[in-house]
Amino acid sequence: MALVLVTSPATGQDADRSVANGGISVPAWMDKIDARAAASGQDIEDLKLSMDGEVLRVTTGPAVTYWNATNSVRGDYTITATLHEPQYMSLNNHPHLYGIIFGGNDLGTDSQSYLYCAAYGNGSFIIRGFGPDLFQMNGRRSEAHDAVNKAVAQGEPVTQEIAVSVMGDKVDCAINGTVVASYDRSEIVTTGKLKSTYGMYGIRFAHNTDATVTR
């Protein structure tokens, strides 16, 4: 999977925006917004996934996970994505994450599980999952790493290449060609975390984000 993602982050405790003319107009794609937003009454119409030529366009709204049920893998695999933020922090005053999910099972249900590796335009990254409750693999906050690119300034572009690999009993996340985190499969496939490293893959965006995704 090759992705180009363009994203703009949100302010700290800003309320989730509601996107005009929202919903999903791309066949076979689905979403699940975060529980907090759903509990406040927001739904699929408060964010938007559409096609612009050959490009997926994502506009949030609530924080969201998108996937296509035909995108599923087993065994050893590597999933890559190139993520580009053309105007760092263009909507708000601090960076928000953008990345890819993998190991997705029962997506869209209350028992879903998946892991995501995501970067921020300030030179940090985070690895989190739902199993179905949120769990952190590298701490509650993002972690700085020299491999993660930094925007020169607010409004300037920044690009990240993310790859997640499952090889034997190892699960790695690499950013811009450098492995930033590595785990034994037993650390993430366990009670309260992933059901399996096999499953669907997709994309993850923070709230109040505008993005394009090139497949």
C-alpha atoms as a PDB file:
ATOM      1  CA  MET A   1       0.000   0.000   0.000  1.00  0.00           C
ATOM      2  CA  ALA A   2       1.448   3.378  -0.978  1.00  0.00           C
ATOM      3  CA  LEU A   3      -0.196   6.461   0.529  1.00  0.00           C
ATOM      4  CA  VAL A   4       0.411  10.190   0.371  1.00  0.00           C
ATOM      5  CA  LEU A   5      -1.329  11.917   3.245  1.00  0.00           C
ATOM      6  CA  VAL A   6      -1.775  15.663   3.644  1.00  0.00           C
ATOM      7  CA  THR A   7      -2.931  16.687   7.097  1.00  0.00           C
ATOM      8  CA  SER A   8      -3.515  19.652   9.353  1.00  0.00           C
ATOM      9  CA  PRO A   9      -3.688  19.234  13.147  1.00  0.00           C
ATOM     10  CA  ALA A  10      -6.133  20.486  15.737  1.00  0.00           C
ATOM     11  CA  THR A  11      -5.911  22.562  18.883  1.00  0.00           C
ATOM     12  CA  GLY A  12      -5.612  20.931  22.304  1.00  0.00           C
ATOM     13  CA  GLN A  13      -9.151  20.478  23.566  1.00  0.00           C
ATOM     14  CA  ASP A  14     -10.931  22.007  20.593  1.00  0.00           C
ATOM     15  CA  ALA A  15     -14.384  20.657  19.913  1.00  0.00           C
ATOM     16  CA  ASP A  16     -14.531  18.356  16.918  1.00  0.00           C
ATOM     17  CA  ARG A  17     -15.647  20.248  13.838  1.00  0.00           C
ATOM     18  CA  SER A  18     -18.589  19.190  11.693  1.00  0.00           C
ATOM     19  CA  VAL A  19     -17.791  18.974   7.986  1.00  0.00           C
ATOM     20  CA  ALA A  20     -20.313  20.237   5.441  1.00  0.00           C
ATOM     21  CA  ASN A  21     -21.637  17.646   2.978  1.00  0.00           C
ATOM     22  CA  GLY A  22     -19.984  14.870   4.947  1.00  0.00           C
ATOM     23  CA  GLY A  23     -20.143  11.104   4.595  1.00  0.00           C
ATOM     24  CA  ILE A  24     -18.342   8.474   2.511  1.00  0.00           C
ATOM     25  CA  SER A  25     -18.710   8.576  -1.268  1.00  0.00           C
ATOM     26  CA  VAL A  26     -15.938   6.059  -2.041  1.00  0.00           C
ATOM     27  CA  PRO A  27     -17.169   2.495  -2.649  1.00  0.00           C
ATOM     28  CA  ALA A  28     -16.043  -0.212  -0.184  1.00  0.00           C
ATOM     29  CA  TRP A  29     -14.521   2.237   2.312  1.00  0.00           C
ATOM     30  CA  MET A  30     -15.785   2.399   5.900  1.00  0.00           C
ATOM     31  CA  ASP A  31     -15.030   4.398   9.006  1.00  0.00           C
ATOM     32  CA  LYS A  32     -15.326   4.469  12.765  1.00  0.00           C
ATOM     33  CA  ILE A  33     -15.072   7.729  14.666  1.00  0.00           C
ATOM     34  CA  ASP A  34     -13.708   7.828  18.178  1.00  0.00           C
ATOM     35  CA  ALA A  35     -16.045   6.962  21.045  1.00  0.00           C
ATOM     36  CA  ARG A  36     -15.965  10.434  22.619  1.00  0.00           C
ATOM     37  CA  ALA A  37     -17.231  12.033  19.432  1.00  0.00           C
ATOM     38  CA  ALA A  38     -19.867   9.345  18.940  1.00  0.00           C
ATOM     39  CA  ALA A  39     -21.082   9.816  22.517  1.00  0.00           C
ATOM     40  CA  SER A  40     -21.523  13.538  21.840  1.00  0.00           C
ATOM     41  CA  GLY A  41     -23.820  12.758  18.913  1.00  0.00           C
ATOM     42  CA  GLN A  42     -21.429  13.051  15.994  1.00  0.00           C
ATOM     43  CA  ASP A  43     -21.471  10.469  13.220  1.00  0.00           C
ATOM     44  CA  ILE A  44     -20.256   9.662   9.717  1.00  0.00           C
ATOM     45  CA  GLU A  45     -21.890  12.811   8.322  1.00  0.00           C
ATOM     46  CA  ASP A  46     -19.582  15.018  10.410  1.00  0.00           C
ATOM     47  CA  LEU A  47     -16.521  14.068   8.356  1.00  0.00           C
ATOM     48  CA  LYS A  48     -15.895  13.340   4.712  1.00  0.00           C
ATOM     49  CA  LEU A  49     -14.148  10.777   2.523  1.00  0.00           C
ATOM     50  CA  SER A  50     -14.387  11.365  -1.216  1.00  0.00           C
ATOM     51  CA  MET A  51     -12.486  10.845  -4.451  1.00  0.00           C
ATOM     52  CA  ASP A  52     -10.764  13.690  -6.278  1.00  0.00           C
ATOM     53  CA  GLY A  53      -9.656  12.018  -9.480  1.00  0.00           C
ATOM     54  CA  GLU A  54      -7.422   9.145  -8.361  1.00  0.00           C
ATOM     55  CA  VAL A  55      -6.911  10.713  -4.935  1.00  0.00           C
ATOM     56  CA  LEU A  56      -8.804  10.054  -1.719  1.00  0.00           C
ATOM     57  CA  ARG A  57      -9.667  13.233   0.153  1.00  0.00           C
ATOM     58  CA  VAL A  58     -10.219  13.101   3.897  1.00  0.00           C
ATOM     59  CA  THR A  59     -11.691  15.967   5.913  1.00  0.00           C
ATOM     60  CA  THR A  60     -12.361  15.544   9.640  1.00  0.00           C
ATOM     61  CA  GLY A  61     -14.392  16.283  11.903  1.00  0.00           C
ATOM     62  CA  PRO A  62     -13.929  13.736  14.644  1.00  0.00           C
ATOM     63  CA  ALA A  63     -10.776  11.613  14.848  1.00  0.00           C
ATOM     64  CA  VAL A  64     -11.313   8.652  12.561  1.00  0.00           C
ATOM     65  CA  THR A  65     -10.069   5.346  11.248  1.00  0.00           C
ATOM     66  CA  TYR A  66     -10.789   4.495   7.605  1.00  0.00           C
ATOM     67  CA  TRP A  67     -10.381   1.109   5.953  1.00  0.00           C
ATOM     68  CA  ASN A  68     -11.382  -0.876   2.888  1.00  0.00           C
ATOM     69  CA  ALA A  69     -12.427  -4.442   3.695  1.00  0.00           C
ATOM     70  CA  THR A  70     -10.602  -5.739   0.619  1.00  0.00           C
ATOM     71  CA  ASN A  71      -7.277  -4.557   2.088  1.00  0.00           C
ATOM     72  CA  SER A  72      -6.337  -7.533   4.249  1.00  0.00           C
ATOM     73  CA  VAL A  73      -3.030  -9.334   4.809  1.00  0.00           C
ATOM     74  CA  ARG A  74      -1.727 -12.501   6.464  1.00  0.00           C
ATOM     75  CA  GLY A  75       1.684 -13.989   7.200  1.00  0.00           C
ATOM     76  CA  ASP A  76       4.772 -11.816   6.817  1.00  0.00           C
ATOM     77  CA  TYR A  77       4.112  -8.423   5.252  1.00  0.00           C
ATOM     78  CA  THR A  78       5.157  -4.787   5.013  1.00  0.00           C
ATOM     79  CA  ILE A  79       2.751  -1.872   4.551  1.00  0.00           C
ATOM     80  CA  THR A  80       4.170   1.515   3.613  1.00  0.00           C
ATOM     81  CA  ALA A  81       2.799   5.036   3.421  1.00  0.00           C
ATOM     82  CA  THR A  82       4.225   8.401   2.421  1.00  0.00           C
ATOM     83  CA  LEU A  83       2.601  11.164   4.456  1.00  0.00           C
ATOM     84  CA  HIS A  84       2.832  14.806   3.433  1.00  0.00           C
ATOM     85  CA  GLU A  85       1.600  17.779   5.410  1.00  0.00           C
ATOM     86  CA  PRO A  86       1.795  20.777   3.054  1.00  0.00           C
ATOM     87  CA  GLN A  87       1.067  23.433   5.678  1.00  0.00           C
ATOM     88  CA  TYR A  88       2.151  22.283   9.097  1.00  0.00           C
ATOM     89  CA  MET A  89      -0.372  23.281  11.797  1.00  0.00           C
ATOM     90  CA  SER A  90      -2.452  25.202   9.254  1.00  0.00           C
ATOM     91  CA  LEU A  91      -5.719  24.767  11.176  1.00  0.00           C
ATOM     92  CA  ASN A  92      -4.581  24.847  14.773  1.00  0.00           C
ATOM     93  CA  ASN A  93      -1.762  25.530  17.200  1.00  0.00           C
ATOM     94  CA  HIS A  94      -0.139  22.153  17.832  1.00  0.00           C
ATOM     95  CA  PRO A  95       0.721  19.040  15.797  1.00  0.00           C
ATOM     96  CA  HIS A  96      -1.618  16.095  15.395  1.00  0.00           C
ATOM     97  CA  LEU A  97      -0.872  12.593  14.233  1.00  0.00           C
ATOM     98  CA  TYR A  98      -1.384  10.906  10.888  1.00  0.00           C
ATOM     99  CA  GLY A  99      -0.498   7.308  10.098  1.00  0.00           C
ATOM    100  CA  ILE A 100      -1.494   3.803   9.110  1.00  0.00           C
ATOM    101  CA  ILE A 101      -3.277   1.001  10.940  1.00  0.00           C
ATOM    102  CA  PHE A 102      -2.691  -2.747  10.678  1.00  0.00           C
ATOM    103  CA  GLY A 103      -3.773  -5.963  12.366  1.00  0.00           C
ATOM    104  CA  GLY A 104      -7.372  -4.810  12.076  1.00  0.00           C
ATOM    105  CA  ASN A 105     -10.005  -7.263  13.279  1.00  0.00           C
ATOM    106  CA  ASP A 106     -13.723  -6.699  13.910  1.00  0.00           C
ATOM    107  CA  LEU A 107     -13.281  -3.121  12.690  1.00  0.00           C
ATOM    108  CA  GLY A 108     -16.253  -0.878  13.277  1.00  0.00           C
ATOM    109  CA  THR A 109     -17.522  -2.928  16.210  1.00  0.00           C
ATOM    110  CA  ASP A 110     -17.186  -2.488  19.961  1.00  0.00           C
ATOM    111  CA  SER A 111     -14.686  -5.369  20.013  1.00  0.00           C
ATOM    112  CA  GLN A 112     -12.401  -4.042  17.294  1.00  0.00           C
ATOM    113  CA  SER A 113      -8.636  -4.344  17.581  1.00  0.00           C
ATOM    114  CA  TYR A 114      -5.832  -2.747  15.582  1.00  0.00           C
ATOM    115  CA  LEU A 115      -2.458  -1.063  16.010  1.00  0.00           C
ATOM    116  CA  TYR A 116      -1.336   2.180  14.412  1.00  0.00           C
ATOM    117  CA  CYS A 117       2.014   3.812  13.819  1.00  0.00           C
ATOM    118  CA  ALA A 118       1.748   7.560  13.318  1.00  0.00           C
ATOM    119  CA  ALA A 119       3.998  10.591  12.981  1.00  0.00           C
ATOM    120  CA  TYR A 120       3.745  14.247  13.896  1.00  0.00           C
ATOM    121  CA  GLY A 121       5.276  17.163  11.998  1.00  0.00           C
ATOM    122  CA  ASN A 122       7.281  18.173  15.077  1.00  0.00           C
ATOM    123  CA  GLY A 123       9.679  15.212  14.838  1.00  0.00           C
ATOM    124  CA  SER A 124       7.845  12.749  17.079  1.00  0.00           C
ATOM    125  CA  PHE A 125       5.858   9.550  16.661  1.00  0.00           C
ATOM    126  CA  ILE A 126       3.421   7.384  18.581  1.00  0.00           C
ATOM    127  CA  ILE A 127       2.298   3.758  18.478  1.00  0.00           C
ATOM    128  CA  ARG A 128      -1.137   3.049  19.888  1.00  0.00           C
ATOM    129  CA  GLY A 129      -3.905   0.543  19.468  1.00  0.00           C
ATOM    130  CA  PHE A 130      -7.439  -0.412  20.317  1.00  0.00           C
ATOM    131  CA  GLY A 131      -8.132  -3.777  21.813  1.00  0.00           C
ATOM    132  CA  PRO A 132     -11.004  -2.602  22.007  1.00  0.00           C
ATOM    133  CA  ASP A 133      -9.937  -0.051  24.651  1.00  0.00           C
ATOM    134  CA  LEU A 134      -7.071   2.307  23.867  1.00  0.00           C
ATOM    135  CA  PHE A 135      -3.598   1.036  24.728  1.00  0.00           C
ATOM    136  CA  GLN A 136      -0.185   2.665  24.321  1.00  0.00           C
ATOM    137  CA  MET A 137       3.000   0.934  23.199  1.00  0.00           C
ATOM    138  CA  ASN A 138       5.517   3.781  23.553  1.00  0.00           C
ATOM    139  CA  GLY A 139       3.939   5.860  26.285  1.00  0.00           C
ATOM    140  CA  ARG A 140       0.960   8.162  26.670  1.00  0.00           C
ATOM    141  CA  ARG A 141       2.584  10.985  24.739  1.00  0.00           C
ATOM    142  CA  SER A 142       4.442  11.113  21.458  1.00  0.00           C
ATOM    143  CA  GLU A 143       8.147  10.291  21.478  1.00  0.00           C
ATOM    144  CA  ALA A 144      10.783  12.391  19.744  1.00  0.00           C
ATOM    145  CA  HIS A 145      13.115  10.639  17.298  1.00  0.00           C
ATOM    146  CA  ASP A 146      15.764  11.996  14.946  1.00  0.00           C
ATOM    147  CA  ALA A 147      14.349   9.921  12.083  1.00  0.00           C
ATOM    148  CA  VAL A 148      11.043  11.790  12.124  1.00  0.00           C
ATOM    149  CA  ASN A 149      11.096  14.905   9.976  1.00  0.00           C
ATOM    150  CA  LYS A 150      10.267  18.315  11.405  1.00  0.00           C
ATOM    151  CA  ALA A 151       8.548  21.168   9.628  1.00  0.00           C
ATOM    152  CA  VAL A 152      10.740  24.252   9.382  1.00  0.00           C
ATOM    153  CA  ALA A 153       7.911  26.386  10.761  1.00  0.00           C
ATOM    154  CA  GLN A 154       4.158  26.594  11.016  1.00  0.00           C
ATOM    155  CA  GLY A 155       2.666  26.685   7.531  1.00  0.00           C
ATOM    156  CA  GLU A 156       5.663  24.931   5.964  1.00  0.00           C
ATOM    157  CA  PRO A 157       5.500  21.419   4.428  1.00  0.00           C
ATOM    158  CA  VAL A 158       6.750  18.234   6.068  1.00  0.00           C
ATOM    159  CA  THR A 159       6.843  14.661   4.730  1.00  0.00           C
ATOM    160  CA  GLN A 160       7.138  11.295   6.488  1.00  0.00           C
ATOM    161  CA  GLU A 161       7.484   7.781   5.084  1.00  0.00           C
ATOM    162  CA  ILE A 162       6.037   5.161   7.420  1.00  0.00           C
ATOM    163  CA  ALA A 163       6.407   1.392   7.111  1.00  0.00           C
ATOM    164  CA  VAL A 164       5.001  -1.295   9.398  1.00  0.00           C
ATOM    165  CA  SER A 165       6.380  -4.803   9.066  1.00  0.00           C
ATOM    166  CA  VAL A 166       5.402  -8.169  10.493  1.00  0.00           C
ATOM    167  CA  MET A 167       8.216 -10.659   9.959  1.00  0.00           C
ATOM    168  CA  GLY A 168       8.106 -13.867  11.957  1.00  0.00           C
ATOM    169  CA  ASP A 169       7.662 -12.894  15.596  1.00  0.00           C
ATOM    170  CA  LYS A 170       8.827  -9.297  15.099  1.00  0.00           C
ATOM    171  CA  VAL A 171       6.632  -6.233  14.555  1.00  0.00           C
ATOM    172  CA  ASP A 172       8.479  -3.080  13.472  1.00  0.00           C
ATOM    173  CA  CYS A 173       7.558   0.511  12.769  1.00  0.00           C
ATOM    174  CA  ALA A 174       9.980   2.439  10.569  1.00  0.00           C
ATOM    175  CA  ILE A 175       9.843   6.144   9.771  1.00  0.00           C
ATOM    176  CA  ASN A 176      11.914   7.583   6.932  1.00  0.00           C
ATOM    177  CA  GLY A 177      13.877   4.360   6.651  1.00  0.00           C
ATOM    178  CA  THR A 178      14.762   3.978  10.342  1.00  0.00           C
ATOM    179  CA  VAL A 179      13.105   1.518  12.713  1.00  0.00           C
ATOM    180  CA  VAL A 180      11.797   3.663  15.568  1.00  0.00           C
ATOM    181  CA  ALA A 181      10.089   0.850  17.511  1.00  0.00           C
ATOM    182  CA  SER A 182      10.258  -2.940  17.492  1.00  0.00           C
ATOM    183  CA  TYR A 183       8.168  -5.427  19.459  1.00  0.00           C
ATOM    184  CA  ASP A 184       7.866  -9.148  19.898  1.00  0.00           C
ATOM    185  CA  ARG A 185       4.536 -10.341  18.573  1.00  0.00           C
ATOM    186  CA  SER A 186       3.668 -11.614  22.073  1.00  0.00           C
ATOM    187  CA  GLU A 187       3.826  -8.025  23.392  1.00  0.00           C
ATOM    188  CA  ILE A 188       0.988  -6.882  21.179  1.00  0.00           C
ATOM    189  CA  VAL A 189      -1.055 -10.023  20.510  1.00  0.00           C
ATOM    190  CA  THR A 190      -2.350 -10.557  24.014  1.00  0.00           C
ATOM    191  CA  THR A 191      -5.373  -9.934  26.223  1.00  0.00           C
ATOM    192  CA  GLY A 192      -6.572  -6.342  25.922  1.00  0.00           C
ATOM    193  CA  LYS A 193      -4.485  -5.647  22.818  1.00  0.00           C
ATOM    194  CA  LEU A 194      -4.497  -7.200  19.353  1.00  0.00           C
ATOM    195  CA  LYS A 195      -6.388 -10.357  18.439  1.00  0.00           C
ATOM    196  CA  SER A 196      -3.856 -10.987  15.675  1.00  0.00           C
ATOM    197  CA  THR A 197      -1.293  -9.244  13.487  1.00  0.00           C
ATOM    198  CA  TYR A 198      -3.249 -10.632  10.523  1.00  0.00           C
ATOM    199  CA  GLY A 199      -6.162  -8.559   9.320  1.00  0.00           C
ATOM    200  CA  MET A 200      -7.094  -5.316   7.609  1.00  0.00           C
ATOM    201  CA  TYR A 201      -5.020  -2.188   7.184  1.00  0.00           C
ATOM    202  CA  GLY A 202      -6.055   1.409   6.656  1.00  0.00           C
ATOM    203  CA  ILE A 203      -5.439   5.003   7.707  1.00  0.00           C
ATOM    204  CA  ARG A 204      -5.755   6.978  10.917  1.00  0.00           C
ATOM    205  CA  PHE A 205      -6.215  10.749  11.332  1.00  0.00           C
ATOM    206  CA  ALA A 206      -6.590  13.059  14.292  1.00  0.00           C
ATOM    207  CA  HIS A 207      -9.619  15.332  14.511  1.00  0.00           C
ATOM    208  CA  ASN A 208     -10.098  18.555  12.548  1.00  0.00           C
ATOM    209  CA  THR A 209      -7.815  17.376   9.762  1.00  0.00           C
ATOM    210  CA  ASP A 210      -7.806  17.976   6.002  1.00  0.00           C
ATOM    211  CA  ALA A 211      -5.950  15.363   3.968  1.00  0.00           C
ATOM    212  CA  THR A 212      -5.491  13.750   0.588  1.00  0.00           C
ATOM    213  CA  VAL A 213      -4.474  10.112   0.197  1.00  0.00           C
ATOM    214  CA  THR A 214      -2.875   8.781  -2.957  1.00  0.00           C
ATOM    215  CA  ARG A 215      -3.035   4.998  -3.283  1.00  0.00           C
END
